[in-house]
Amino acid sequence: SGFTPNNYNIGWFRQAPGKEREGVSCITSSDDDTYYADSVKGR
């Protein structure tokens, strides 16, 4: 909320204790293409 959320790709990241923040998944604004980290693909 608070902005017009068009033309934004949207992603999920995660950070475990002692680890760097990593990308988990992303969905594109224009085509709804999805991407997944290998560690979560299929789940």
PDB file of all heavy atoms in Angstrom:
ATOM      1  N   SER A   1       0.841  -1.186   0.000  1.00  0.00           N
ATOM      2  CA  SER A   1       0.000   0.000   0.000  1.00  0.00           C
ATOM      3  C   SER A   1       0.879   1.240   0.000  1.00  0.00           C
ATOM      4  O   SER A   1       2.064   1.177   0.319  1.00  0.00           O
ATOM      5  CB  SER A   1      -0.947   0.013   1.214  1.00  0.00           C
ATOM      6  OG  SER A   1      -0.219   0.062   2.427  1.00  0.00           O
ATOM      7  N   GLY A   2       0.283   2.375  -0.348  1.00  0.00           N
ATOM      8  CA  GLY A   2       1.001   3.633  -0.326  1.00  0.00           C
ATOM      9  C   GLY A   2       1.730   3.978  -1.608  1.00  0.00           C
ATOM     10  O   GLY A   2       2.409   5.011  -1.664  1.00  0.00           O
ATOM     11  N   PHE A   3       1.598   3.148  -2.624  1.00  0.00           N
ATOM     12  CA  PHE A   3       2.183   3.434  -3.922  1.00  0.00           C
ATOM     13  C   PHE A   3       1.398   2.681  -4.982  1.00  0.00           C
ATOM     14  O   PHE A   3       0.591   1.802  -4.659  1.00  0.00           O
ATOM     15  CB  PHE A   3       3.671   3.076  -3.978  1.00  0.00           C
ATOM     16  CG  PHE A   3       3.958   1.599  -3.924  1.00  0.00           C
ATOM     17  CD1 PHE A   3       4.343   0.902  -5.060  1.00  0.00           C
ATOM     18  CD2 PHE A   3       3.849   0.896  -2.733  1.00  0.00           C
ATOM     19  CE1 PHE A   3       4.623  -0.460  -5.010  1.00  0.00           C
ATOM     20  CE2 PHE A   3       4.116  -0.465  -2.668  1.00  0.00           C
ATOM     21  CZ  PHE A   3       4.508  -1.143  -3.811  1.00  0.00           C
ATOM     22  N   THR A   4       1.623   3.019  -6.226  1.00  0.00           N
ATOM     23  CA  THR A   4       0.959   2.342  -7.335  1.00  0.00           C
ATOM     24  C   THR A   4       1.817   1.161  -7.762  1.00  0.00           C
ATOM     25  O   THR A   4       2.883   1.352  -8.348  1.00  0.00           O
ATOM     26  CB  THR A   4       0.736   3.289  -8.514  1.00  0.00           C
ATOM     27  OG1 THR A   4      -0.039   4.412  -8.089  1.00  0.00           O
ATOM     28  CG2 THR A   4      -0.009   2.573  -9.640  1.00  0.00           C
ATOM     29  N   PRO A   5       1.373  -0.046  -7.481  1.00  0.00           N
ATOM     30  CA  PRO A   5       2.246  -1.218  -7.645  1.00  0.00           C
ATOM     31  C   PRO A   5       2.233  -1.819  -9.049  1.00  0.00           C
ATOM     32  O   PRO A   5       2.213  -3.041  -9.197  1.00  0.00           O
ATOM     33  CB  PRO A   5       1.677  -2.194  -6.612  1.00  0.00           C
ATOM     34  CG  PRO A   5       0.213  -1.887  -6.606  1.00  0.00           C
ATOM     35  CD  PRO A   5       0.108  -0.402  -6.825  1.00  0.00           C
ATOM     36  N   ASN A   6       2.228  -0.977 -10.062  1.00  0.00           N
ATOM     37  CA  ASN A   6       2.325  -1.483 -11.426  1.00  0.00           C
ATOM     38  C   ASN A   6       3.778  -1.427 -11.897  1.00  0.00           C
ATOM     39  O   ASN A   6       4.561  -0.595 -11.442  1.00  0.00           O
ATOM     40  CB  ASN A   6       1.421  -0.701 -12.372  1.00  0.00           C
ATOM     41  CG  ASN A   6       1.764   0.770 -12.456  1.00  0.00           C
ATOM     42  OD1 ASN A   6       2.042   1.415 -11.445  1.00  0.00           O
ATOM     43  ND2 ASN A   6       1.746   1.318 -13.656  1.00  0.00           N
ATOM     44  N   ASN A   7       4.099  -2.316 -12.804  1.00  0.00           N
ATOM     45  CA  ASN A   7       5.437  -2.390 -13.382  1.00  0.00           C
ATOM     46  C   ASN A   7       6.514  -2.703 -12.346  1.00  0.00           C
ATOM     47  O   ASN A   7       7.651  -2.233 -12.445  1.00  0.00           O
ATOM     48  CB  ASN A   7       5.780  -1.109 -14.134  1.00  0.00           C
ATOM     49  CG  ASN A   7       4.869  -0.873 -15.313  1.00  0.00           C
ATOM     50  OD1 ASN A   7       4.509  -1.800 -16.029  1.00  0.00           O
ATOM     51  ND2 ASN A   7       4.485   0.381 -15.527  1.00  0.00           N
ATOM     52  N   TYR A   8       6.141  -3.471 -11.348  1.00  0.00           N
ATOM     53  CA  TYR A   8       7.083  -3.973 -10.360  1.00  0.00           C
ATOM     54  C   TYR A   8       7.168  -5.486 -10.480  1.00  0.00           C
ATOM     55  O   TYR A   8       6.138  -6.168 -10.535  1.00  0.00           O
ATOM     56  CB  TYR A   8       6.658  -3.620  -8.933  1.00  0.00           C
ATOM     57  CG  TYR A   8       6.819  -2.173  -8.540  1.00  0.00           C
ATOM     58  CD1 TYR A   8       5.832  -1.243  -8.818  1.00  0.00           C
ATOM     59  CD2 TYR A   8       7.957  -1.748  -7.866  1.00  0.00           C
ATOM     60  CE1 TYR A   8       5.976   0.080  -8.455  1.00  0.00           C
ATOM     61  CE2 TYR A   8       8.107  -0.425  -7.491  1.00  0.00           C
ATOM     62  CZ  TYR A   8       7.112   0.488  -7.784  1.00  0.00           C
ATOM     63  OH  TYR A   8       7.257   1.798  -7.406  1.00  0.00           O
ATOM     64  N   ASN A   9       8.375  -5.988 -10.525  1.00  0.00           N
ATOM     65  CA  ASN A   9       8.566  -7.408 -10.292  1.00  0.00           C
ATOM     66  C   ASN A   9       8.534  -7.634  -8.788  1.00  0.00           C
ATOM     67  O   ASN A   9       8.958  -6.781  -8.004  1.00  0.00           O
ATOM     68  CB  ASN A   9       9.883  -7.890 -10.873  1.00  0.00           C
ATOM     69  CG  ASN A   9       9.913  -7.772 -12.386  1.00  0.00           C
ATOM     70  OD1 ASN A   9       8.890  -7.900 -13.053  1.00  0.00           O
ATOM     71  ND2 ASN A   9      11.094  -7.532 -12.932  1.00  0.00           N
ATOM     72  N   ILE A  10       8.012  -8.769  -8.383  1.00  0.00           N
ATOM     73  CA  ILE A  10       7.814  -9.048  -6.970  1.00  0.00           C
ATOM     74  C   ILE A  10       8.563 -10.318  -6.600  1.00  0.00           C
ATOM     75  O   ILE A  10       8.467 -11.328  -7.301  1.00  0.00           O
ATOM     76  CB  ILE A  10       6.327  -9.210  -6.629  1.00  0.00           C
ATOM     77  CG1 ILE A  10       5.512  -8.057  -7.227  1.00  0.00           C
ATOM     78  CG2 ILE A  10       6.134  -9.268  -5.118  1.00  0.00           C
ATOM     79  CD1 ILE A  10       4.011  -8.257  -7.143  1.00  0.00           C
ATOM     80  N   GLY A  11       9.286 -10.252  -5.506  1.00  0.00           N
ATOM     81  CA  GLY A  11      10.055 -11.407  -5.085  1.00  0.00           C
ATOM     82  C   GLY A  11       9.973 -11.676  -3.603  1.00  0.00           C
ATOM     83  O   GLY A  11       9.529 -10.841  -2.818  1.00  0.00           O
ATOM     84  N   TRP A  12      10.375 -12.875  -3.259  1.00  0.00           N
ATOM     85  CA  TRP A  12      10.544 -13.279  -1.874  1.00  0.00           C
ATOM     86  C   TRP A  12      12.010 -13.611  -1.641  1.00  0.00           C
ATOM     87  O   TRP A  12      12.622 -14.336  -2.438  1.00  0.00           O
ATOM     88  CB  TRP A  12       9.684 -14.494  -1.525  1.00  0.00           C
ATOM     89  CG  TRP A  12       8.226 -14.195  -1.371  1.00  0.00           C
ATOM     90  CD1 TRP A  12       7.255 -14.311  -2.312  1.00  0.00           C
ATOM     91  CD2 TRP A  12       7.577 -13.728  -0.185  1.00  0.00           C
ATOM     92  NE1 TRP A  12       6.038 -13.955  -1.792  1.00  0.00           N
ATOM     93  CE2 TRP A  12       6.203 -13.592  -0.489  1.00  0.00           C
ATOM     94  CE3 TRP A  12       8.020 -13.421   1.108  1.00  0.00           C
ATOM     95  CZ2 TRP A  12       5.275 -13.150   0.452  1.00  0.00           C
ATOM     96  CZ3 TRP A  12       7.086 -12.983   2.042  1.00  0.00           C
ATOM     97  CH2 TRP A  12       5.741 -12.853   1.712  1.00  0.00           C
ATOM     98  N   PHE A  13      12.546 -13.095  -0.566  1.00  0.00           N
ATOM     99  CA  PHE A  13      13.898 -13.384  -0.132  1.00  0.00           C
ATOM    100  C   PHE A  13      13.841 -13.949   1.273  1.00  0.00           C
ATOM    101  O   PHE A  13      12.840 -13.806   1.971  1.00  0.00           O
ATOM    102  CB  PHE A  13      14.770 -12.122  -0.155  1.00  0.00           C
ATOM    103  CG  PHE A  13      15.099 -11.622  -1.531  1.00  0.00           C
ATOM    104  CD1 PHE A  13      14.137 -11.016  -2.317  1.00  0.00           C
ATOM    105  CD2 PHE A  13      16.388 -11.753  -2.039  1.00  0.00           C
ATOM    106  CE1 PHE A  13      14.432 -10.550  -3.583  1.00  0.00           C
ATOM    107  CE2 PHE A  13      16.700 -11.288  -3.307  1.00  0.00           C
ATOM    108  CZ  PHE A  13      15.726 -10.688  -4.078  1.00  0.00           C
ATOM    109  N   ARG A  14      14.914 -14.586   1.683  1.00  0.00           N
ATOM    110  CA  ARG A  14      14.978 -15.079   3.048  1.00  0.00           C
ATOM    111  C   ARG A  14      16.399 -14.970   3.567  1.00  0.00           C
ATOM    112  O   ARG A  14      17.360 -14.965   2.804  1.00  0.00           O
ATOM    113  CB  ARG A  14      14.489 -16.529   3.146  1.00  0.00           C
ATOM    114  CG  ARG A  14      15.380 -17.554   2.458  1.00  0.00           C
ATOM    115  CD  ARG A  14      14.734 -18.937   2.510  1.00  0.00           C
ATOM    116  NE  ARG A  14      15.574 -19.956   1.904  1.00  0.00           N
ATOM    117  CZ  ARG A  14      15.199 -21.214   1.716  1.00  0.00           C
ATOM    118  NH1 ARG A  14      13.983 -21.605   2.094  1.00  0.00           N
ATOM    119  NH2 ARG A  14      16.031 -22.087   1.162  1.00  0.00           N
ATOM    120  N   GLN A  15      16.500 -14.881   4.882  1.00  0.00           N
ATOM    121  CA  GLN A  15      17.794 -14.807   5.528  1.00  0.00           C
ATOM    122  C   GLN A  15      17.771 -15.664   6.786  1.00  0.00           C
ATOM    123  O   GLN A  15      16.995 -15.412   7.706  1.00  0.00           O
ATOM    124  CB  GLN A  15      18.161 -13.366   5.881  1.00  0.00           C
ATOM    125  CG  GLN A  15      19.580 -13.208   6.396  1.00  0.00           C
ATOM    126  CD  GLN A  15      20.032 -11.762   6.418  1.00  0.00           C
ATOM    127  OE1 GLN A  15      19.203 -10.842   6.400  1.00  0.00           O
ATOM    128  NE2 GLN A  15      21.329 -11.545   6.447  1.00  0.00           N
ATOM    129  N   ALA A  16      18.618 -16.672   6.797  1.00  0.00           N
ATOM    130  CA  ALA A  16      18.768 -17.547   7.948  1.00  0.00           C
ATOM    131  C   ALA A  16      19.870 -17.010   8.855  1.00  0.00           C
ATOM    132  O   ALA A  16      20.739 -16.251   8.409  1.00  0.00           O
ATOM    133  CB  ALA A  16      19.098 -18.962   7.499  1.00  0.00           C
ATOM    134  N   PRO A  17      19.857 -17.380  10.128  1.00  0.00           N
ATOM    135  CA  PRO A  17      20.906 -16.912  11.032  1.00  0.00           C
ATOM    136  C   PRO A  17      22.298 -17.259  10.519  1.00  0.00           C
ATOM    137  O   PRO A  17      22.571 -18.405  10.157  1.00  0.00           O
ATOM    138  CB  PRO A  17      20.595 -17.652  12.334  1.00  0.00           C
ATOM    139  CG  PRO A  17      19.132 -17.927  12.270  1.00  0.00           C
ATOM    140  CD  PRO A  17      18.853 -18.201  10.819  1.00  0.00           C
ATOM    141  N   GLY A  18      23.168 -16.263  10.472  1.00  0.00           N
ATOM    142  CA  GLY A  18      24.531 -16.468  10.018  1.00  0.00           C
ATOM    143  C   GLY A  18      24.697 -16.589   8.525  1.00  0.00           C
ATOM    144  O   GLY A  18      25.820 -16.840   8.061  1.00  0.00           O
ATOM    145  N   LYS A  19      23.629 -16.422   7.768  1.00  0.00           N
ATOM    146  CA  LYS A  19      23.673 -16.557   6.322  1.00  0.00           C
ATOM    147  C   LYS A  19      23.318 -15.239   5.650  1.00  0.00           C
ATOM    148  O   LYS A  19      22.691 -14.368   6.240  1.00  0.00           O
ATOM    149  CB  LYS A  19      22.711 -17.651   5.846  1.00  0.00           C
ATOM    150  CG  LYS A  19      22.948 -19.026   6.448  1.00  0.00           C
ATOM    151  CD  LYS A  19      24.235 -19.634   5.940  1.00  0.00           C
ATOM    152  CE  LYS A  19      24.425 -21.044   6.497  1.00  0.00           C
ATOM    153  NZ  LYS A  19      23.380 -21.982   6.012  1.00  0.00           N
ATOM    154  N   GLU A  20      23.730 -15.103   4.395  1.00  0.00           N
ATOM    155  CA  GLU A  20      23.366 -13.926   3.626  1.00  0.00           C
ATOM    156  C   GLU A  20      21.939 -14.057   3.119  1.00  0.00           C
ATOM    157  O   GLU A  20      21.394 -15.160   3.003  1.00  0.00           O
ATOM    158  CB  GLU A  20      24.334 -13.729   2.458  1.00  0.00           C
ATOM    159  CG  GLU A  20      24.273 -14.829   1.414  1.00  0.00           C
ATOM    160  CD  GLU A  20      25.270 -14.630   0.284  1.00  0.00           C
ATOM    161  OE1 GLU A  20      26.131 -13.744   0.405  1.00  0.00           O
ATOM    162  OE2 GLU A  20      25.183 -15.350  -0.730  1.00  0.00           O
ATOM    163  N   ARG A  21      21.331 -12.920   2.829  1.00  0.00           N
ATOM    164  CA  ARG A  21      19.993 -12.933   2.277  1.00  0.00           C
ATOM    165  C   ARG A  21      20.021 -13.518   0.869  1.00  0.00           C
ATOM    166  O   ARG A  21      20.866 -13.155   0.050  1.00  0.00           O
ATOM    167  CB  ARG A  21      19.411 -11.521   2.262  1.00  0.00           C
ATOM    168  CG  ARG A  21      17.951 -11.455   1.865  1.00  0.00           C
ATOM    169  CD  ARG A  21      17.375 -10.051   2.050  1.00  0.00           C
ATOM    170  NE  ARG A  21      17.410  -9.630   3.446  1.00  0.00           N
ATOM    171  CZ  ARG A  21      16.862  -8.517   3.903  1.00  0.00           C
ATOM    172  NH1 ARG A  21      16.231  -7.697   3.069  1.00  0.00           N
ATOM    173  NH2 ARG A  21      16.944  -8.204   5.188  1.00  0.00           N
ATOM    174  N   GLU A  22      19.106 -14.428   0.598  1.00  0.00           N
ATOM    175  CA  GLU A  22      19.071 -15.090  -0.691  1.00  0.00           C
ATOM    176  C   GLU A  22      17.694 -14.968  -1.329  1.00  0.00           C
ATOM    177  O   GLU A  22      16.677 -14.910  -0.643  1.00  0.00           O
ATOM    178  CB  GLU A  22      19.447 -16.569  -0.556  1.00  0.00           C
ATOM    179  CG  GLU A  22      18.473 -17.379   0.289  1.00  0.00           C
ATOM    180  CD  GLU A  22      18.802 -18.854   0.334  1.00  0.00           C
ATOM    181  OE1 GLU A  22      19.632 -19.319  -0.474  1.00  0.00           O
ATOM    182  OE2 GLU A  22      18.229 -19.568   1.185  1.00  0.00           O
ATOM    183  N   GLY A  23      17.682 -14.946  -2.639  1.00  0.00           N
ATOM    184  CA  GLY A  23      16.430 -14.936  -3.366  1.00  0.00           C
ATOM    185  C   GLY A  23      15.774 -16.301  -3.327  1.00  0.00           C
ATOM    186  O   GLY A  23      16.433 -17.326  -3.484  1.00  0.00           O
ATOM    187  N   VAL A  24      14.477 -16.310  -3.136  1.00  0.00           N
ATOM    188  CA  VAL A  24      13.698 -17.541  -3.077  1.00  0.00           C
ATOM    189  C   VAL A  24      12.852 -17.712  -4.328  1.00  0.00           C
ATOM    190  O   VAL A  24      12.860 -18.773  -4.958  1.00  0.00           O
ATOM    191  CB  VAL A  24      12.804 -17.571  -1.829  1.00  0.00           C
ATOM    192  CG1 VAL A  24      11.918 -18.811  -1.821  1.00  0.00           C
ATOM    193  CG2 VAL A  24      13.649 -17.509  -0.562  1.00  0.00           C
ATOM    194  N   SER A  25      12.116 -16.661  -4.683  1.00  0.00           N
ATOM    195  CA  SER A  25      11.207 -16.745  -5.813  1.00  0.00           C
ATOM    196  C   SER A  25      10.875 -15.349  -6.311  1.00  0.00           C
ATOM    197  O   SER A  25      10.998 -14.370  -5.571  1.00  0.00           O
ATOM    198  CB  SER A  25       9.922 -17.484  -5.413  1.00  0.00           C
ATOM    199  OG  SER A  25       9.057 -17.657  -6.517  1.00  0.00           O
ATOM    200  N   CYS A  26      10.445 -15.271  -7.554  1.00  0.00           N
ATOM    201  CA  CYS A  26      10.093 -13.994  -8.154  1.00  0.00           C
ATOM    202  C   CYS A  26       8.987 -14.207  -9.171  1.00  0.00           C
ATOM    203  O   CYS A  26       8.939 -15.252  -9.842  1.00  0.00           O
ATOM    204  CB  CYS A  26      11.319 -13.363  -8.815  1.00  0.00           C
ATOM    205  SG  CYS A  26      11.020 -11.776  -9.610  1.00  0.00           S
ATOM    206  N   ILE A  27       8.111 -13.218  -9.300  1.00  0.00           N
ATOM    207  CA  ILE A  27       7.086 -13.216 -10.333  1.00  0.00           C
ATOM    208  C   ILE A  27       7.153 -11.877 -11.047  1.00  0.00           C
ATOM    209  O   ILE A  27       7.227 -10.824 -10.411  1.00  0.00           O
ATOM    210  CB  ILE A  27       5.680 -13.492  -9.749  1.00  0.00           C
ATOM    211  CG1 ILE A  27       4.636 -13.564 -10.864  1.00  0.00           C
ATOM    212  CG2 ILE A  27       5.297 -12.457  -8.703  1.00  0.00           C
ATOM    213  CD1 ILE A  27       3.299 -14.118 -10.389  1.00  0.00           C
ATOM    214  N   THR A  28       7.134 -11.904 -12.375  1.00  0.00           N
ATOM    215  CA  THR A  28       7.249 -10.678 -13.147  1.00  0.00           C
ATOM    216  C   THR A  28       5.908  -9.981 -13.264  1.00  0.00           C
ATOM    217  O   THR A  28       4.848 -10.608 -13.276  1.00  0.00           O
ATOM    218  CB  THR A  28       7.814 -10.941 -14.544  1.00  0.00           C
ATOM    219  OG1 THR A  28       6.889 -11.741 -15.293  1.00  0.00           O
ATOM    220  CG2 THR A  28       9.152 -11.654 -14.465  1.00  0.00           C
ATOM    221  N   SER A  29       5.962  -8.655 -13.371  1.00  0.00           N
ATOM    222  CA  SER A  29       4.752  -7.852 -13.454  1.00  0.00           C
ATOM    223  C   SER A  29       4.053  -8.002 -14.795  1.00  0.00           C
ATOM    224  O   SER A  29       2.825  -8.043 -14.864  1.00  0.00           O
ATOM    225  CB  SER A  29       5.087  -6.386 -13.196  1.00  0.00           C
ATOM    226  OG  SER A  29       3.951  -5.555 -13.369  1.00  0.00           O
ATOM    227  N   SER A  30       4.823  -8.061 -15.870  1.00  0.00           N
ATOM    228  CA  SER A  30       4.251  -8.020 -17.206  1.00  0.00           C
ATOM    229  C   SER A  30       3.706  -9.362 -17.678  1.00  0.00           C
ATOM    230  O   SER A  30       2.618  -9.429 -18.246  1.00  0.00           O
ATOM    231  CB  SER A  30       5.294  -7.508 -18.195  1.00  0.00           C
ATOM    232  OG  SER A  30       6.449  -8.326 -18.201  1.00  0.00           O
ATOM    233  N   ASP A  31       4.451 -10.414 -17.452  1.00  0.00           N
ATOM    234  CA  ASP A  31       4.113 -11.712 -18.033  1.00  0.00           C
ATOM    235  C   ASP A  31       3.740 -12.775 -17.007  1.00  0.00           C
ATOM    236  O   ASP A  31       3.375 -13.883 -17.397  1.00  0.00           O
ATOM    237  CB  ASP A  31       5.283 -12.230 -18.870  1.00  0.00           C
ATOM    238  CG  ASP A  31       5.650 -11.295 -19.998  1.00  0.00           C
ATOM    239  OD1 ASP A  31       4.735 -10.677 -20.579  1.00  0.00           O
ATOM    240  OD2 ASP A  31       6.851 -11.182 -20.313  1.00  0.00           O
ATOM    241  N   ASP A  32       3.865 -12.465 -15.732  1.00  0.00           N
ATOM    242  CA  ASP A  32       3.618 -13.435 -14.666  1.00  0.00           C
ATOM    243  C   ASP A  32       4.531 -14.650 -14.780  1.00  0.00           C
ATOM    244  O   ASP A  32       4.152 -15.758 -14.395  1.00  0.00           O
ATOM    245  CB  ASP A  32       2.157 -13.876 -14.648  1.00  0.00           C
ATOM    246  CG  ASP A  32       1.232 -12.797 -14.132  1.00  0.00           C
ATOM    247  OD1 ASP A  32       1.680 -11.949 -13.337  1.00  0.00           O
ATOM    248  OD2 ASP A  32       0.041 -12.808 -14.508  1.00  0.00           O
ATOM    249  N   ASP A  33       5.710 -14.440 -15.322  1.00  0.00           N
ATOM    250  CA  ASP A  33       6.712 -15.497 -15.306  1.00  0.00           C
ATOM    251  C   ASP A  33       7.220 -15.680 -13.890  1.00  0.00           C
ATOM    252  O   ASP A  33       7.382 -14.712 -13.146  1.00  0.00           O
ATOM    253  CB  ASP A  33       7.882 -15.153 -16.228  1.00  0.00           C
ATOM    254  CG  ASP A  33       7.495 -15.166 -17.689  1.00  0.00           C
ATOM    255  OD1 ASP A  33       6.565 -15.895 -18.053  1.00  0.00           O
ATOM    256  OD2 ASP A  33       8.139 -14.443 -18.476  1.00  0.00           O
ATOM    257  N   THR A  34       7.472 -16.902 -13.518  1.00  0.00           N
ATOM    258  CA  THR A  34       7.930 -17.208 -12.171  1.00  0.00           C
ATOM    259  C   THR A  34       9.304 -17.844 -12.192  1.00  0.00           C
ATOM    260  O   THR A  34       9.662 -18.559 -13.121  1.00  0.00           O
ATOM    261  CB  THR A  34       6.942 -18.128 -11.439  1.00  0.00           C
ATOM    262  OG1 THR A  34       6.772 -19.341 -12.189  1.00  0.00           O
ATOM    263  CG2 THR A  34       5.599 -17.448 -11.279  1.00  0.00           C
ATOM    264  N   TYR A  35      10.047 -17.593 -11.138  1.00  0.00           N
ATOM    265  CA  TYR A  35      11.394 -18.119 -10.983  1.00  0.00           C
ATOM    266  C   TYR A  35      11.563 -18.611  -9.555  1.00  0.00           C
ATOM    267  O   TYR A  35      11.011 -18.033  -8.620  1.00  0.00           O
ATOM    268  CB  TYR A  35      12.441 -17.042 -11.308  1.00  0.00           C
ATOM    269  CG  TYR A  35      12.291 -16.460 -12.687  1.00  0.00           C
ATOM    270  CD1 TYR A  35      11.470 -15.360 -12.901  1.00  0.00           C
ATOM    271  CD2 TYR A  35      12.956 -17.017 -13.772  1.00  0.00           C
ATOM    272  CE1 TYR A  35      11.312 -14.828 -14.169  1.00  0.00           C
ATOM    273  CE2 TYR A  35      12.802 -16.489 -15.040  1.00  0.00           C
ATOM    274  CZ  TYR A  35      11.987 -15.401 -15.239  1.00  0.00           C
ATOM    275  OH  TYR A  35      11.836 -14.880 -16.499  1.00  0.00           O
ATOM    276  N   TYR A  36      12.347 -19.670  -9.398  1.00  0.00           N
ATOM    277  CA  TYR A  36      12.546 -20.271  -8.095  1.00  0.00           C
ATOM    278  C   TYR A  36      13.999 -20.653  -7.898  1.00  0.00           C
ATOM    279  O   TYR A  36      14.681 -21.093  -8.828  1.00  0.00           O
ATOM    280  CB  TYR A  36      11.682 -21.524  -7.931  1.00  0.00           C
ATOM    281  CG  TYR A  36      10.204 -21.262  -8.048  1.00  0.00           C
ATOM    282  CD1 TYR A  36       9.544 -21.388  -9.262  1.00  0.00           C
ATOM    283  CD2 TYR A  36       9.466 -20.889  -6.929  1.00  0.00           C
ATOM    284  CE1 TYR A  36       8.189 -21.144  -9.370  1.00  0.00           C
ATOM    285  CE2 TYR A  36       8.105 -20.642  -7.028  1.00  0.00           C
ATOM    286  CZ  TYR A  36       7.474 -20.771  -8.252  1.00  0.00           C
ATOM    287  OH  TYR A  36       6.125 -20.523  -8.354  1.00  0.00           O
ATOM    288  N   ALA A  37      14.463 -20.482  -6.685  1.00  0.00           N
ATOM    289  CA  ALA A  37      15.757 -21.022  -6.325  1.00  0.00           C
ATOM    290  C   ALA A  37      15.706 -22.541  -6.380  1.00  0.00           C
ATOM    291  O   ALA A  37      14.671 -23.156  -6.111  1.00  0.00           O
ATOM    292  CB  ALA A  37      16.158 -20.559  -4.925  1.00  0.00           C
ATOM    293  N   ASP A  38      16.826 -23.148  -6.745  1.00  0.00           N
ATOM    294  CA  ASP A  38      16.863 -24.599  -6.856  1.00  0.00           C
ATOM    295  C   ASP A  38      16.467 -25.288  -5.553  1.00  0.00           C
ATOM    296  O   ASP A  38      15.876 -26.371  -5.566  1.00  0.00           O
ATOM    297  CB  ASP A  38      18.254 -25.066  -7.281  1.00  0.00           C
ATOM    298  CG  ASP A  38      18.560 -24.737  -8.728  1.00  0.00           C
ATOM    299  OD1 ASP A  38      17.612 -24.503  -9.508  1.00  0.00           O
ATOM    300  OD2 ASP A  38      19.754 -24.721  -9.086  1.00  0.00           O
ATOM    301  N   SER A  39      16.781 -24.663  -4.438  1.00  0.00           N
ATOM    302  CA  SER A  39      16.522 -25.272  -3.148  1.00  0.00           C
ATOM    303  C   SER A  39      15.036 -25.386  -2.820  1.00  0.00           C
ATOM    304  O   SER A  39      14.658 -26.180  -1.950  1.00  0.00           O
ATOM    305  CB  SER A  39      17.230 -24.488  -2.037  1.00  0.00           C
ATOM    306  OG  SER A  39      16.783 -23.145  -2.007  1.00  0.00           O
ATOM    307  N   VAL A  40      14.195 -24.605  -3.486  1.00  0.00           N
ATOM    308  CA  VAL A  40      12.762 -24.622  -3.190  1.00  0.00           C
ATOM    309  C   VAL A  40      11.920 -25.059  -4.376  1.00  0.00           C
ATOM    310  O   VAL A  40      10.699 -25.232  -4.225  1.00  0.00           O
ATOM    311  CB  VAL A  40      12.270 -23.246  -2.700  1.00  0.00           C
ATOM    312  CG1 VAL A  40      13.108 -22.761  -1.531  1.00  0.00           C
ATOM    313  CG2 VAL A  40      12.287 -22.219  -3.835  1.00  0.00           C
ATOM    314  N   LYS A  41      12.525 -25.250  -5.527  1.00  0.00           N
ATOM    315  CA  LYS A  41      11.784 -25.617  -6.723  1.00  0.00           C
ATOM    316  C   LYS A  41      11.035 -26.928  -6.507  1.00  0.00           C
ATOM    317  O   LYS A  41      11.601 -27.905  -6.014  1.00  0.00           O
ATOM    318  CB  LYS A  41      12.739 -25.726  -7.908  1.00  0.00           C
ATOM    319  CG  LYS A  41      12.063 -25.842  -9.261  1.00  0.00           C
ATOM    320  CD  LYS A  41      13.093 -25.768 -10.391  1.00  0.00           C
ATOM    321  CE  LYS A  41      13.804 -24.426 -10.408  1.00  0.00           C
ATOM    322  NZ  LYS A  41      14.771 -24.323 -11.531  1.00  0.00           N
ATOM    323  N   GLY A  42       9.779 -26.923  -6.871  1.00  0.00           N
ATOM    324  CA  GLY A  42       8.938 -28.088  -6.688  1.00  0.00           C
ATOM    325  C   GLY A  42       8.225 -28.133  -5.361  1.00  0.00           C
ATOM    326  O   GLY A  42       7.304 -28.944  -5.180  1.00  0.00           O
ATOM    327  N   ARG A  43       8.627 -27.275  -4.425  1.00  0.00           N
ATOM    328  CA  ARG A  43       8.000 -27.228  -3.110  1.00  0.00           C
ATOM    329  C   ARG A  43       7.273 -25.915  -2.844  1.00  0.00           C
ATOM    330  O   ARG A  43       6.269 -25.899  -2.141  1.00  0.00           O
ATOM    331  CB  ARG A  43       9.047 -27.455  -2.014  1.00  0.00           C
ATOM    332  CG  ARG A  43       9.776 -28.792  -2.103  1.00  0.00           C
ATOM    333  CD  ARG A  43      10.669 -29.021  -0.886  1.00  0.00           C
ATOM    334  NE  ARG A  43      11.726 -28.020  -0.781  1.00  0.00           N
ATOM    335  CZ  ARG A  43      11.857 -27.165   0.227  1.00  0.00           C
ATOM    336  NH1 ARG A  43      10.991 -27.182   1.237  1.00  0.00           N
ATOM    337  NH2 ARG A  43      12.860 -26.294   0.245  1.00  0.00           N
TER     338      ARG A  43
END
